[in-house]
N, C-alpha and C. Protein backbone atom coordinates (compact mmCIF):
# COMPACT_ATOMS: atom_id res chain seq x y z
N UNK A 1 112.22 71.32 123.47
CA UNK A 1 111.72 70.00 123.81
C UNK A 1 111.59 69.92 125.34
N UNK A 2 110.46 69.46 125.81
CA UNK A 2 110.24 69.27 127.24
C UNK A 2 110.16 67.78 127.53
N UNK A 3 110.94 67.34 128.49
CA UNK A 3 110.98 65.94 128.87
C UNK A 3 110.16 65.74 130.13
N UNK A 4 109.52 64.57 130.26
CA UNK A 4 108.79 64.25 131.47
C UNK A 4 109.38 62.97 132.04
N UNK A 5 110.27 63.12 132.99
CA UNK A 5 110.91 61.98 133.63
C UNK A 5 110.71 62.15 135.13
N UNK A 6 109.85 61.32 135.75
CA UNK A 6 109.65 61.48 137.19
C UNK A 6 110.95 61.24 137.94
N UNK A 7 111.18 62.03 138.97
CA UNK A 7 112.41 61.93 139.75
C UNK A 7 112.13 62.32 141.19
N UNK A 8 113.07 61.96 142.07
CA UNK A 8 112.99 62.31 143.48
C UNK A 8 114.39 62.72 143.94
N UNK A 9 114.46 63.63 144.91
CA UNK A 9 115.74 64.11 145.42
C UNK A 9 115.75 64.04 146.94
N UNK A 10 116.98 64.13 147.49
CA UNK A 10 117.15 64.02 148.94
C UNK A 10 117.97 65.21 149.45
N UNK A 11 117.40 65.92 150.41
CA UNK A 11 118.14 66.98 151.09
C UNK A 11 118.76 66.34 152.32
N UNK A 12 120.10 66.20 152.28
CA UNK A 12 120.84 65.58 153.38
C UNK A 12 121.41 66.68 154.27
N UNK A 13 121.20 66.53 155.57
CA UNK A 13 121.75 67.47 156.54
C UNK A 13 122.71 66.74 157.46
N UNK A 14 123.89 67.34 157.66
CA UNK A 14 124.84 66.74 158.60
C UNK A 14 124.55 67.26 160.00
N UNK A 15 125.37 66.86 160.97
CA UNK A 15 125.15 67.23 162.36
C UNK A 15 125.22 68.73 162.62
N UNK A 16 125.85 69.47 161.71
CA UNK A 16 125.95 70.93 161.85
C UNK A 16 124.90 71.67 161.03
N UNK A 17 123.96 70.93 160.42
CA UNK A 17 122.93 71.56 159.60
C UNK A 17 123.38 71.95 158.21
N UNK A 18 124.53 71.40 157.78
CA UNK A 18 125.02 71.66 156.43
C UNK A 18 124.30 70.75 155.43
N UNK A 19 124.11 71.25 154.22
CA UNK A 19 123.39 70.54 153.16
C UNK A 19 124.40 69.91 152.20
N UNK A 20 124.16 68.66 151.85
CA UNK A 20 125.01 67.97 150.87
C UNK A 20 124.55 68.32 149.46
N UNK A 21 125.47 68.82 148.65
CA UNK A 21 125.17 69.10 147.24
C UNK A 21 126.17 68.37 146.36
N UNK A 22 125.68 67.87 145.26
CA UNK A 22 126.51 67.21 144.26
C UNK A 22 126.79 68.23 143.16
N UNK A 23 128.01 68.21 142.63
CA UNK A 23 128.42 69.15 141.58
C UNK A 23 128.48 68.40 140.25
N UNK A 24 127.73 68.89 139.29
CA UNK A 24 127.63 68.26 137.97
C UNK A 24 127.95 69.26 136.88
N UNK A 25 128.54 68.78 135.79
CA UNK A 25 128.78 69.64 134.64
C UNK A 25 128.01 69.07 133.45
N UNK A 26 127.11 69.89 132.92
CA UNK A 26 126.32 69.51 131.76
C UNK A 26 127.27 69.42 130.56
N UNK A 27 127.41 68.23 130.01
CA UNK A 27 128.38 68.02 128.93
C UNK A 27 127.91 68.61 127.60
N UNK A 28 126.66 69.04 127.53
CA UNK A 28 126.16 69.70 126.32
C UNK A 28 126.37 71.21 126.41
N UNK A 29 125.90 71.83 127.51
CA UNK A 29 125.96 73.29 127.65
C UNK A 29 127.25 73.78 128.32
N UNK A 30 127.91 72.90 129.07
CA UNK A 30 129.08 73.30 129.84
C UNK A 30 128.74 73.93 131.18
N UNK A 31 127.45 74.10 131.47
CA UNK A 31 126.98 74.71 132.72
C UNK A 31 127.31 73.78 133.90
N UNK A 32 127.84 74.36 134.98
CA UNK A 32 128.10 73.61 136.20
C UNK A 32 126.98 73.90 137.20
N UNK A 33 126.47 72.83 137.82
CA UNK A 33 125.30 72.93 138.69
C UNK A 33 125.56 72.20 140.00
N UNK A 34 125.11 72.78 141.09
CA UNK A 34 125.09 72.12 142.40
C UNK A 34 123.64 71.75 142.68
N UNK A 35 123.39 70.49 143.07
CA UNK A 35 122.03 70.10 143.44
C UNK A 35 122.06 68.93 144.41
N UNK A 36 120.95 68.74 145.16
CA UNK A 36 120.89 67.61 146.07
C UNK A 36 120.91 66.30 145.28
N UNK A 37 121.42 65.22 145.91
CA UNK A 37 121.42 63.93 145.22
C UNK A 37 120.01 63.48 144.90
N UNK A 38 119.89 62.70 143.86
CA UNK A 38 118.60 62.17 143.46
C UNK A 38 118.59 61.84 142.00
N UNK A 39 117.45 61.39 141.51
CA UNK A 39 117.35 61.05 140.10
C UNK A 39 116.05 60.36 139.78
N UNK A 40 116.04 59.70 138.64
CA UNK A 40 114.83 59.13 138.08
C UNK A 40 114.20 58.04 138.92
N UNK A 41 112.87 57.99 138.83
CA UNK A 41 112.09 56.95 139.48
C UNK A 41 111.88 55.83 138.47
N UNK A 42 112.34 54.63 138.80
CA UNK A 42 112.20 53.49 137.90
C UNK A 42 110.76 52.98 137.90
N UNK A 43 110.32 52.33 136.80
CA UNK A 43 108.97 51.76 136.76
C UNK A 43 108.74 50.81 137.94
N UNK A 44 107.60 50.97 138.61
CA UNK A 44 107.25 50.13 139.74
C UNK A 44 107.86 50.56 141.06
N UNK A 45 108.64 51.62 141.04
CA UNK A 45 109.31 52.11 142.24
C UNK A 45 108.53 53.30 142.79
N UNK A 46 108.42 53.40 144.12
CA UNK A 46 107.79 54.57 144.71
C UNK A 46 108.81 55.70 144.74
N UNK A 47 108.36 56.94 144.85
CA UNK A 47 109.31 58.05 144.97
C UNK A 47 110.27 57.87 146.14
N UNK A 48 109.78 57.38 147.30
CA UNK A 48 110.64 57.17 148.46
C UNK A 48 111.70 56.10 148.16
N UNK A 49 111.30 55.01 147.53
CA UNK A 49 112.26 53.96 147.16
C UNK A 49 113.32 54.51 146.21
N UNK A 50 112.89 55.33 145.25
CA UNK A 50 113.84 55.93 144.30
C UNK A 50 114.80 56.86 145.01
N UNK A 51 114.29 57.68 145.93
CA UNK A 51 115.14 58.61 146.68
C UNK A 51 116.19 57.84 147.46
N UNK A 52 115.79 56.74 148.10
CA UNK A 52 116.73 55.93 148.88
C UNK A 52 117.78 55.28 147.98
N UNK A 53 117.35 54.73 146.85
CA UNK A 53 118.27 54.08 145.92
C UNK A 53 119.25 55.09 145.34
N UNK A 54 118.73 56.23 144.89
CA UNK A 54 119.58 57.25 144.28
C UNK A 54 120.60 57.80 145.28
N UNK A 55 120.18 57.98 146.53
CA UNK A 55 121.11 58.48 147.55
C UNK A 55 122.30 57.53 147.67
N UNK A 56 122.02 56.24 147.76
CA UNK A 56 123.10 55.26 147.90
C UNK A 56 123.98 55.23 146.66
N UNK A 57 123.37 55.23 145.48
CA UNK A 57 124.14 55.17 144.24
C UNK A 57 125.05 56.39 144.08
N UNK A 58 124.51 57.57 144.34
CA UNK A 58 125.26 58.80 144.07
C UNK A 58 126.22 59.19 145.19
N UNK A 59 125.97 58.72 146.42
CA UNK A 59 126.79 59.19 147.55
C UNK A 59 127.41 58.08 148.38
N UNK A 60 126.91 56.85 148.27
CA UNK A 60 127.35 55.77 149.12
C UNK A 60 126.73 55.83 150.51
N UNK A 61 125.90 56.84 150.78
CA UNK A 61 125.24 56.96 152.08
C UNK A 61 124.07 55.98 152.16
N UNK A 62 123.70 55.55 153.37
CA UNK A 62 122.63 54.55 153.49
C UNK A 62 121.27 55.11 153.11
N UNK A 63 120.60 54.43 152.21
CA UNK A 63 119.29 54.86 151.76
C UNK A 63 118.26 54.91 152.87
N UNK A 64 118.43 54.07 153.89
CA UNK A 64 117.43 54.07 154.96
C UNK A 64 117.51 55.31 155.85
N UNK A 65 118.48 56.18 155.59
CA UNK A 65 118.54 57.47 156.29
C UNK A 65 117.46 58.42 155.78
N UNK A 66 116.94 58.14 154.59
CA UNK A 66 115.89 59.00 154.01
C UNK A 66 114.58 58.70 154.71
N UNK A 67 114.01 59.73 155.33
CA UNK A 67 112.74 59.52 156.03
C UNK A 67 111.58 59.87 155.10
N UNK A 68 110.42 59.34 155.45
CA UNK A 68 109.23 59.56 154.62
C UNK A 68 108.64 60.93 154.94
N UNK A 69 109.45 61.95 154.69
CA UNK A 69 109.01 63.34 154.86
C UNK A 69 109.49 64.08 153.62
N UNK A 70 108.55 64.70 152.90
CA UNK A 70 108.93 65.35 151.65
C UNK A 70 108.07 66.57 151.40
N UNK A 71 108.56 67.41 150.51
CA UNK A 71 107.80 68.56 150.03
C UNK A 71 107.86 68.55 148.51
N UNK A 72 106.79 68.99 147.85
CA UNK A 72 106.82 69.10 146.39
C UNK A 72 107.64 70.33 145.98
N UNK A 73 108.49 70.15 144.99
CA UNK A 73 109.37 71.23 144.54
C UNK A 73 109.20 71.43 143.04
N UNK A 74 108.84 72.65 142.65
CA UNK A 74 108.71 72.97 141.23
C UNK A 74 110.10 73.10 140.63
N UNK A 75 110.30 72.43 139.50
CA UNK A 75 111.59 72.45 138.82
C UNK A 75 111.40 72.98 137.40
N UNK A 76 112.36 73.74 136.93
CA UNK A 76 112.38 74.24 135.55
C UNK A 76 113.85 74.39 135.18
N UNK A 77 114.39 73.41 134.45
CA UNK A 77 115.81 73.42 134.15
C UNK A 77 116.08 72.69 132.83
N UNK A 78 117.25 72.92 132.31
CA UNK A 78 117.69 72.24 131.09
C UNK A 78 118.92 71.41 131.43
N UNK A 79 118.93 70.16 130.99
CA UNK A 79 120.04 69.25 131.24
C UNK A 79 120.27 68.42 129.99
N UNK A 80 121.50 68.44 129.50
CA UNK A 80 121.88 67.68 128.30
C UNK A 80 120.97 68.00 127.12
N UNK A 81 120.62 69.27 127.01
CA UNK A 81 119.82 69.72 125.88
C UNK A 81 118.32 69.50 126.02
N UNK A 82 117.87 68.86 127.10
CA UNK A 82 116.44 68.62 127.32
C UNK A 82 115.92 69.58 128.37
N UNK A 83 114.75 70.15 128.11
CA UNK A 83 114.14 71.10 129.05
C UNK A 83 113.14 70.34 129.92
N UNK A 84 113.29 70.47 131.23
CA UNK A 84 112.41 69.81 132.18
C UNK A 84 111.59 70.84 132.94
N UNK A 85 110.27 70.67 132.98
CA UNK A 85 109.39 71.48 133.81
C UNK A 85 108.49 70.48 134.52
N UNK A 86 108.63 70.39 135.85
CA UNK A 86 107.89 69.37 136.58
C UNK A 86 107.93 69.67 138.07
N UNK A 87 107.24 68.84 138.81
CA UNK A 87 107.26 68.91 140.27
C UNK A 87 107.89 67.61 140.76
N UNK A 88 108.91 67.74 141.64
CA UNK A 88 109.58 66.57 142.19
C UNK A 88 109.44 66.54 143.70
N UNK A 89 109.33 65.34 144.30
CA UNK A 89 109.37 65.26 145.75
C UNK A 89 110.82 65.37 146.23
N UNK A 90 111.06 66.22 147.21
CA UNK A 90 112.36 66.35 147.87
C UNK A 90 112.20 65.78 149.28
N UNK A 91 112.95 64.73 149.58
CA UNK A 91 112.90 64.05 150.87
C UNK A 91 114.00 64.57 151.79
N UNK A 92 113.90 64.21 153.06
CA UNK A 92 114.86 64.66 154.07
C UNK A 92 115.64 63.47 154.63
N UNK A 93 116.94 63.67 154.81
CA UNK A 93 117.80 62.69 155.51
C UNK A 93 118.70 63.48 156.45
N UNK A 94 118.84 63.01 157.68
CA UNK A 94 119.71 63.66 158.66
C UNK A 94 120.80 62.69 159.09
N UNK A 95 121.99 63.23 159.29
CA UNK A 95 123.13 62.41 159.71
C UNK A 95 123.80 63.05 160.91
N UNK A 96 124.30 62.21 161.83
CA UNK A 96 125.10 62.70 162.94
C UNK A 96 126.49 62.95 162.38
N UNK A 97 127.11 64.04 162.77
CA UNK A 97 128.43 64.33 162.23
C UNK A 97 128.36 64.62 160.75
N UNK A 98 129.46 64.40 160.05
CA UNK A 98 129.49 64.60 158.60
C UNK A 98 129.95 63.29 157.95
N UNK A 99 129.01 62.52 157.39
CA UNK A 99 129.38 61.23 156.84
C UNK A 99 130.25 61.35 155.58
N UNK A 100 131.02 60.31 155.33
CA UNK A 100 131.87 60.28 154.15
C UNK A 100 131.02 60.00 152.91
N UNK A 101 131.24 60.77 151.87
CA UNK A 101 130.50 60.61 150.62
C UNK A 101 131.39 59.87 149.63
N UNK A 102 130.92 58.72 149.17
CA UNK A 102 131.68 57.93 148.20
C UNK A 102 130.73 57.41 147.13
N UNK A 103 130.59 58.15 146.03
CA UNK A 103 129.70 57.69 144.96
C UNK A 103 130.07 56.26 144.56
N UNK A 104 129.08 55.37 144.59
CA UNK A 104 129.37 53.96 144.40
C UNK A 104 128.82 53.36 143.12
N UNK A 105 127.81 53.98 142.55
CA UNK A 105 127.17 53.35 141.40
C UNK A 105 126.66 54.40 140.41
N UNK A 106 127.54 55.31 140.01
CA UNK A 106 127.13 56.33 139.04
C UNK A 106 126.94 55.68 137.67
N UNK A 107 125.94 56.15 136.95
CA UNK A 107 125.74 55.68 135.58
C UNK A 107 126.87 56.26 134.71
N UNK A 108 126.98 55.77 133.49
CA UNK A 108 128.00 56.30 132.57
C UNK A 108 127.80 57.79 132.35
N UNK A 109 126.54 58.20 132.18
CA UNK A 109 126.22 59.63 131.99
C UNK A 109 126.64 60.42 133.21
N UNK A 110 126.32 59.91 134.42
CA UNK A 110 126.66 60.61 135.65
C UNK A 110 128.18 60.69 135.85
N UNK A 111 128.88 59.60 135.54
CA UNK A 111 130.34 59.59 135.69
C UNK A 111 131.00 60.67 134.84
N UNK A 112 130.45 60.91 133.64
CA UNK A 112 131.00 61.93 132.76
C UNK A 112 130.70 63.34 133.22
N UNK A 113 129.66 63.48 134.05
CA UNK A 113 129.22 64.81 134.49
C UNK A 113 129.64 65.13 135.92
N UNK A 114 129.96 64.12 136.71
CA UNK A 114 130.23 64.31 138.14
C UNK A 114 131.50 65.12 138.36
N UNK A 115 131.39 66.16 139.21
CA UNK A 115 132.51 67.07 139.50
C UNK A 115 132.87 67.10 140.98
N UNK A 116 132.18 66.30 141.80
CA UNK A 116 132.46 66.31 143.23
C UNK A 116 131.24 66.66 144.05
N UNK A 117 131.48 66.96 145.32
CA UNK A 117 130.38 67.26 146.24
C UNK A 117 130.87 68.25 147.28
N UNK A 118 129.95 68.77 148.06
CA UNK A 118 130.30 69.65 149.16
C UNK A 118 129.18 69.71 150.17
N UNK A 119 129.54 70.05 151.40
CA UNK A 119 128.56 70.29 152.46
C UNK A 119 128.53 71.80 152.71
N UNK A 120 127.35 72.40 152.65
CA UNK A 120 127.24 73.85 152.72
C UNK A 120 126.22 74.28 153.76
N UNK A 121 126.56 75.35 154.49
CA UNK A 121 125.60 75.92 155.43
C UNK A 121 124.50 76.60 154.60
N UNK A 122 123.31 76.78 155.18
CA UNK A 122 122.26 77.48 154.43
C UNK A 122 122.73 78.85 153.92
N UNK A 123 123.54 79.57 154.70
CA UNK A 123 124.03 80.89 154.26
C UNK A 123 124.96 80.75 153.05
N UNK A 124 125.75 79.69 153.01
CA UNK A 124 126.68 79.49 151.89
C UNK A 124 125.99 79.16 150.57
N UNK A 125 124.76 78.69 150.65
CA UNK A 125 124.03 78.34 149.41
C UNK A 125 123.91 79.56 148.49
N UNK A 126 123.82 80.74 149.07
CA UNK A 126 123.66 81.97 148.29
C UNK A 126 124.97 82.43 147.67
N UNK A 127 126.09 81.84 148.08
CA UNK A 127 127.39 82.33 147.61
C UNK A 127 128.12 81.32 146.74
N UNK A 128 127.45 80.26 146.30
CA UNK A 128 128.09 79.28 145.45
C UNK A 128 128.52 79.92 144.12
N UNK A 129 129.71 79.55 143.62
CA UNK A 129 130.18 80.16 142.38
C UNK A 129 129.45 79.64 141.14
N UNK A 130 128.75 78.54 141.27
CA UNK A 130 128.03 77.95 140.13
C UNK A 130 126.53 77.98 140.41
N UNK A 131 125.75 77.54 139.46
CA UNK A 131 124.29 77.52 139.56
C UNK A 131 123.82 76.59 140.66
N UNK A 132 122.88 77.03 141.49
CA UNK A 132 122.23 76.20 142.49
C UNK A 132 120.91 75.75 141.90
N UNK A 133 120.66 74.45 141.96
CA UNK A 133 119.42 73.93 141.40
C UNK A 133 118.74 73.05 142.45
N UNK A 134 117.51 73.33 142.82
CA UNK A 134 116.74 74.49 142.37
C UNK A 134 117.24 75.77 143.06
N UNK A 135 117.07 76.90 142.39
CA UNK A 135 117.57 78.16 142.94
C UNK A 135 116.95 78.51 144.29
N UNK A 136 115.75 78.03 144.56
CA UNK A 136 115.06 78.32 145.82
C UNK A 136 115.28 77.20 146.85
N UNK A 137 116.44 76.54 146.79
CA UNK A 137 116.72 75.45 147.73
C UNK A 137 116.64 75.89 149.20
N UNK A 138 117.11 77.09 149.58
CA UNK A 138 116.95 77.49 150.98
C UNK A 138 115.49 77.45 151.46
N UNK A 139 114.55 77.82 150.58
CA UNK A 139 113.13 77.75 150.92
C UNK A 139 112.69 76.29 151.06
N UNK A 140 113.18 75.43 150.17
CA UNK A 140 112.85 74.00 150.24
C UNK A 140 113.34 73.44 151.58
N UNK A 141 114.56 73.79 151.96
CA UNK A 141 115.14 73.34 153.22
C UNK A 141 114.29 73.79 154.40
N UNK A 142 113.85 75.03 154.36
CA UNK A 142 113.01 75.56 155.44
C UNK A 142 111.69 74.79 155.53
N UNK A 143 111.06 74.54 154.38
CA UNK A 143 109.79 73.80 154.36
C UNK A 143 109.97 72.37 154.85
N UNK A 144 111.08 71.73 154.46
CA UNK A 144 111.33 70.34 154.85
C UNK A 144 111.58 70.18 156.34
N UNK A 145 112.25 71.15 156.94
CA UNK A 145 112.67 71.01 158.33
C UNK A 145 111.73 71.70 159.32
N UNK A 146 110.73 72.42 158.83
CA UNK A 146 109.78 73.10 159.72
C UNK A 146 109.09 72.07 160.62
N UNK A 147 109.30 72.23 161.90
CA UNK A 147 108.63 71.32 162.86
C UNK A 147 109.26 69.95 162.93
N UNK A 148 110.38 69.74 162.20
CA UNK A 148 110.99 68.38 162.23
C UNK A 148 112.14 68.35 163.21
């Protein structure tokens, strides 16, 4: 089964160039995944509005930190038994220092799957013990920050 749910994600960089990743455990497959914060686009919401809302809900970070700079990212993954193949906009947010992450409004589904977060250098992305989603995130990071 292939699901079509539009979504947007945010690549957050701290003052040292580390990337914020959220750790989730798929309650159906048991697979643990690291991925940038983000989620579904609500009806009537723009992708940028969704990225800002999702960032605040999942991390407690200010949504207005998300700038209107994005790259299209091809996704192919399975979550909770549903197979997703789509293109999502990945936006950029930069922070001075390393801001405190405090998930403030996780859905019931997210609360059951949430395993924590981490800030990782681009080199550390290749050494994560669990699945990185999308697997080509270092390339996404390079495309997002080129010339920025």
